Amino acid sequence: MSARSAHARFWTVTLAAVLAVAATALLGRWQMQRAAQKQALEDAVQAQGALPPLTAAALAAAVQAGAAQTGPLLHRRVLLRGRWLAQHTVYLDNRQMQGRPGFFVLTPLQLEGLPLTLLVQRGWLARQVQDRTQLAPVDTPAGVVELSGRLAPAPARLLDLGGPAPGPGSSRIRQNLDLTAYAAETGLALAPWTVLQTEGPGDGLQRQWPAFTAGVEKHHGYAFQWFALSGLIALLYVWFQVVRRIRPWPGNAR
């Protein structure tokens, strides 16, 4: 190899190494920024949960003021009194709690003395092994009940291969639930969020809801991988383009 071609090769490799180190370092930095954003989100959610519980009257006032559309009340604790609308109970299938598949049980709660209904994620119900469409009975008191929980968005949407959302008269077992479509189906004046029930009347449902997490650890892991790759590229460049040139292997020193 001529000196000129070797020189051109050296600078080509150098440019490629510099670009690769810079790109991977920037990706690692971006992942750290994403982790900081997610950490700020987790801190905000924890701060919301530490605030005093909201009453039903405060929720109704927030809906009338339009505050619910921007979600500033999400993750706030609530104390509610109302009546279950058991005829509109739905069961979301393929939902897990503590690693077991089953149903999330959702029932609307008509707030006492207020023209507002909240869809409550009451808890988790185990699925029958022999017949997955067989629903175990859930105790739903007919009178006024008191419960506590926290405001939450609609349940996470799962992959649904069954086509469009079910209409009126469909099975109570659903794969997903859209609040707008459900409100149109039932004719209820639903609030734009749900309530994740934490305490209330004994009904046999499990409520070991997972704590909210924004996935900060995932971004830290990605950042470590990018920074490690950046360092590896730099190390390999120094070894092959600098050290090997200064101290060639005995077999290459001919």
Protein backbone atom coordinates (compact mmCIF):
# COMPACT_ATOMS: atom_id res chain seq x y z
CA MET A 1 0.00 0.00 0.00
CA SER A 2 1.44 3.37 -0.99
CA ALA A 3 1.98 6.13 1.58
CA ARG A 4 -0.72 8.24 -0.07
CA SER A 5 -3.36 5.53 0.02
CA ALA A 6 -2.42 4.65 3.61
CA HIS A 7 -2.77 8.32 4.54
CA ALA A 8 -6.20 8.51 2.88
CA ARG A 9 -7.29 5.32 4.60
CA PHE A 10 -6.16 6.67 7.98
CA TRP A 11 -8.21 9.84 7.65
CA THR A 12 -11.22 7.96 6.32
CA VAL A 13 -11.19 5.64 9.32
CA THR A 14 -10.61 8.61 11.63
CA LEU A 15 -13.59 10.50 10.21
CA ALA A 16 -15.82 7.43 10.46
CA ALA A 17 -14.72 6.81 14.07
CA VAL A 18 -15.31 10.44 15.08
CA LEU A 19 -18.78 10.42 13.53
CA ALA A 20 -19.66 7.10 15.16
CA VAL A 21 -18.42 8.23 18.60
CA ALA A 22 -20.30 11.52 18.31
CA ALA A 23 -23.53 9.86 17.11
CA THR A 24 -23.59 7.21 19.85
CA ALA A 25 -22.69 9.77 22.52
CA LEU A 26 -25.52 12.03 21.36
CA LEU A 27 -27.93 9.10 21.46
CA GLY A 28 -26.82 8.29 24.98
CA ARG A 29 -27.32 11.92 26.00
CA TRP A 30 -30.77 11.91 24.41
CA GLN A 31 -31.71 8.83 26.41
CA MET A 32 -30.54 10.56 29.59
CA GLN A 33 -32.73 13.55 28.73
CA ARG A 34 -35.67 11.21 28.19
CA ALA A 35 -34.95 9.59 31.56
CA ALA A 36 -34.98 13.03 33.21
CA GLN A 37 -38.33 13.80 31.58
CA LYS A 38 -39.79 10.49 32.75
CA GLN A 39 -38.40 11.07 36.25
CA ALA A 40 -40.07 14.47 36.33
CA LEU A 41 -43.33 12.78 35.29
CA GLU A 42 -43.03 10.20 38.07
CA ASP A 43 -42.29 12.95 40.60
CA ALA A 44 -45.35 14.89 39.41
CA VAL A 45 -47.56 11.80 39.76
CA GLN A 46 -46.26 11.18 43.28
CA ALA A 47 -46.90 14.82 44.14
CA GLN A 48 -50.46 14.49 42.85
CA GLY A 49 -51.02 11.42 44.97
CA ALA A 50 -49.79 13.23 48.07
CA LEU A 51 -52.42 15.96 47.76
CA PRO A 52 -55.63 15.80 49.85
CA PRO A 53 -58.37 13.62 48.35
CA LEU A 54 -60.88 15.26 46.05
CA THR A 55 -64.58 15.12 46.82
CA ALA A 56 -67.33 14.38 44.34
CA ALA A 57 -68.35 18.05 44.35
CA ALA A 58 -64.80 19.08 43.40
CA LEU A 59 -64.80 16.60 40.53
CA ALA A 60 -68.13 17.87 39.23
CA ALA A 61 -66.88 21.45 39.41
CA ALA A 62 -63.71 20.46 37.51
CA VAL A 63 -65.75 18.85 34.73
CA GLN A 64 -67.98 21.91 34.42
CA ALA A 65 -64.90 24.15 34.29
CA GLY A 66 -63.34 22.03 31.56
CA ALA A 67 -60.23 21.27 33.64
CA ALA A 68 -60.70 17.55 33.09
CA GLN A 69 -59.90 17.91 29.40
CA THR A 70 -56.29 18.79 30.13
CA GLY A 71 -55.83 16.10 32.76
CA PRO A 72 -54.49 18.19 35.68
CA LEU A 73 -56.44 16.03 38.13
CA LEU A 74 -55.11 12.67 36.98
CA HIS A 75 -53.62 10.54 39.77
CA ARG A 76 -55.34 12.60 42.47
CA ARG A 77 -56.93 10.61 45.29
CA VAL A 78 -60.72 10.74 45.56
CA LEU A 79 -63.40 9.97 48.15
CA LEU A 80 -66.76 9.21 46.58
CA ARG A 81 -70.34 8.37 47.52
CA GLY A 82 -72.79 7.06 44.98
CA ARG A 83 -74.76 4.17 43.58
CA TRP A 84 -73.46 1.42 41.34
CA LEU A 85 -75.09 1.12 37.92
CA ALA A 86 -74.58 -2.62 37.88
CA GLN A 87 -76.47 -3.16 34.62
CA HIS A 88 -73.62 -1.41 32.78
CA THR A 89 -70.80 -3.48 34.29
CA VAL A 90 -68.21 -4.65 31.75
CA TYR A 91 -65.31 -7.09 32.03
CA LEU A 92 -62.04 -6.37 30.23
CA ASP A 93 -60.44 -9.63 29.21
CA ASN A 94 -56.76 -10.62 29.13
CA ARG A 95 -55.82 -8.34 32.02
CA GLN A 96 -53.19 -9.47 34.48
CA MET A 97 -52.65 -8.91 38.16
CA GLN A 98 -49.61 -10.40 39.86
CA GLY A 99 -48.90 -12.41 36.73
CA ARG A 100 -52.32 -14.10 36.51
CA PRO A 101 -54.72 -13.58 33.58
CA GLY A 102 -58.28 -12.52 34.24
CA PHE A 103 -60.68 -9.60 33.96
CA PHE A 104 -60.75 -5.99 35.06
CA VAL A 105 -64.25 -5.28 36.39
CA LEU A 106 -65.58 -1.82 35.51
CA THR A 107 -68.85 -0.41 36.82
CA PRO A 108 -70.21 3.16 36.53
CA LEU A 109 -70.84 4.98 39.80
CA GLN A 110 -73.59 7.61 39.83
CA LEU A 111 -72.41 10.24 42.29
CA GLU A 112 -74.83 11.01 45.06
CA GLY A 113 -76.68 14.27 44.49
CA LEU A 114 -74.66 15.20 41.39
CA PRO A 115 -75.35 14.80 37.65
CA LEU A 116 -72.03 13.05 37.06
CA THR A 117 -71.09 9.42 36.57
CA LEU A 118 -67.60 7.98 36.98
CA LEU A 119 -66.48 4.70 35.49
CA VAL A 120 -64.73 2.82 38.29
CA GLN A 121 -62.07 0.20 37.72
CA ARG A 122 -63.21 -1.83 40.70
CA GLY A 123 -60.60 -4.57 40.66
CA TRP A 124 -59.42 -7.82 39.13
CA LEU A 125 -61.38 -11.06 38.80
CA ALA A 126 -59.83 -14.44 38.07
CA ARG A 127 -60.86 -16.20 34.87
CA GLN A 128 -62.44 -19.64 34.91
CA VAL A 129 -60.00 -22.19 33.52
CA GLN A 130 -62.67 -24.48 32.05
CA ASP A 131 -64.75 -21.75 30.42
CA ARG A 132 -63.19 -18.34 29.90
CA THR A 133 -66.62 -16.80 29.21
CA GLN A 134 -68.00 -17.93 32.58
CA LEU A 135 -67.98 -14.96 34.95
CA ALA A 136 -67.78 -15.44 38.70
CA PRO A 137 -70.38 -13.41 40.64
CA VAL A 138 -69.30 -9.98 41.89
CA ASP A 139 -71.06 -8.48 44.88
CA THR A 140 -72.47 -5.09 43.85
CA PRO A 141 -74.49 -3.42 46.62
CA ALA A 142 -77.70 -1.74 45.52
CA GLY A 143 -77.59 1.17 47.97
CA VAL A 144 -75.23 4.09 48.47
CA VAL A 145 -71.61 3.04 48.75
CA GLU A 146 -68.47 4.86 49.78
CA LEU A 147 -65.14 4.20 48.14
CA SER A 148 -61.72 5.71 47.71
CA GLY A 149 -59.33 5.53 44.81
CA ARG A 150 -57.36 7.67 42.43
CA LEU A 151 -58.19 9.26 39.11
CA ALA A 152 -56.76 7.40 36.14
CA PRO A 153 -57.07 7.37 32.36
CA ALA A 154 -59.03 4.65 30.62
CA PRO A 155 -57.52 1.14 30.87
CA ALA A 156 -54.61 0.51 28.56
CA ARG A 157 -55.63 -0.62 25.10
CA LEU A 158 -54.58 -4.12 24.05
CA LEU A 159 -54.18 -5.48 20.54
CA ASP A 160 -57.69 -6.21 19.33
CA LEU A 161 -58.16 -8.50 16.33
CA GLY A 162 -61.92 -8.69 16.77
CA GLY A 163 -62.84 -5.68 14.65
CA PRO A 164 -64.73 -2.56 15.73
CA ALA A 165 -65.88 -1.86 19.28
CA PRO A 166 -69.06 -3.64 20.33
CA GLY A 167 -72.34 -1.76 20.26
CA PRO A 168 -75.45 -1.85 22.42
CA GLY A 169 -76.50 -5.31 23.50
CA SER A 170 -73.04 -6.81 23.04
CA SER A 171 -71.34 -9.13 25.50
CA ARG A 172 -70.16 -7.64 28.77
CA ILE A 173 -66.75 -9.20 28.11
CA ARG A 174 -64.65 -6.79 26.10
CA GLN A 175 -61.08 -6.63 24.94
CA ASN A 176 -60.88 -2.83 25.14
CA LEU A 177 -63.11 0.02 26.22
CA ASP A 178 -63.30 3.49 24.69
CA LEU A 179 -64.87 5.97 27.10
CA THR A 180 -66.56 8.02 24.39
CA ALA A 181 -68.07 4.98 22.70
CA TYR A 182 -69.08 3.50 26.06
CA ALA A 183 -70.81 6.75 27.07
CA ALA A 184 -72.74 6.76 23.79
CA GLU A 185 -73.63 3.09 24.26
CA THR A 186 -74.95 3.54 27.80
CA GLY A 187 -76.27 7.09 27.52
CA LEU A 188 -74.37 8.09 30.66
CA ALA A 189 -72.80 11.48 31.34
CA LEU A 190 -69.35 10.09 32.03
CA ALA A 191 -66.37 12.04 33.32
CA PRO A 192 -63.37 11.93 30.96
CA TRP A 193 -61.30 9.83 33.34
CA THR A 194 -61.87 6.70 35.39
CA VAL A 195 -61.34 5.90 39.06
CA LEU A 196 -58.91 3.19 40.09
CA GLN A 197 -60.59 1.89 43.24
CA THR A 198 -58.29 1.20 46.16
CA GLU A 199 -60.74 0.77 49.04
CA GLY A 200 -64.45 0.22 49.35
CA PRO A 201 -67.13 -2.37 49.98
CA GLY A 202 -65.95 -5.97 50.15
CA ASP A 203 -66.69 -7.57 46.80
CA GLY A 204 -64.04 -10.27 46.43
CA LEU A 205 -62.04 -8.35 43.82
CA GLN A 206 -58.28 -7.95 44.00
CA ARG A 207 -56.82 -4.44 43.90
CA GLN A 208 -53.05 -4.87 43.98
CA TRP A 209 -52.66 -2.19 41.33
CA PRO A 210 -49.06 -1.68 40.19
CA ALA A 211 -47.48 1.63 41.14
CA PHE A 212 -47.21 4.14 38.34
CA THR A 213 -43.87 4.02 36.54
CA ALA A 214 -42.74 5.99 33.50
CA GLY A 215 -39.89 3.63 32.59
CA VAL A 216 -36.93 5.68 33.82
CA GLU A 217 -34.76 2.57 34.25
CA LYS A 218 -35.32 1.59 30.63
CA HIS A 219 -33.88 4.89 29.38
CA HIS A 220 -30.95 4.60 31.77
CA GLY A 221 -30.24 1.17 30.33
CA TYR A 222 -30.40 2.46 26.76
CA ALA A 223 -28.12 5.37 27.68
CA PHE A 224 -25.56 3.00 29.20
CA GLN A 225 -25.56 0.91 26.02
CA TRP A 226 -25.02 3.93 23.77
CA PHE A 227 -22.25 5.37 25.97
CA ALA A 228 -20.60 1.96 26.19
CA LEU A 229 -20.69 1.62 22.41
CA SER A 230 -19.26 5.11 22.03
CA GLY A 231 -16.41 4.26 24.39
CA LEU A 232 -15.79 0.94 22.63
CA ILE A 233 -15.51 2.63 19.23
CA ALA A 234 -13.07 5.17 20.64
CA LEU A 235 -11.01 2.41 22.30
CA LEU A 236 -10.85 0.32 19.14
CA TYR A 237 -9.84 3.35 17.11
CA VAL A 238 -7.01 4.21 19.49
CA TRP A 239 -5.84 0.61 19.56
CA PHE A 240 -5.82 -0.07 15.84
CA GLN A 241 -4.98 3.39 14.50
CA VAL A 242 -2.58 4.65 17.15
CA VAL A 243 -1.15 1.91 19.36
CA ARG A 244 -0.73 -0.62 16.55
CA ARG A 245 1.05 1.99 14.44
CA ILE A 246 3.44 2.93 17.22
CA ARG A 247 4.03 -0.62 18.47
CA PRO A 248 3.32 -3.07 15.62
CA TRP A 249 2.95 -6.76 16.34
CA PRO A 250 6.13 -8.78 15.86
CA GLY A 251 4.52 -10.68 13.01
CA ASN A 252 3.75 -7.43 11.17
CA ALA A 253 7.13 -5.83 11.67
CA ARG A 254 8.65 -7.23 8.48
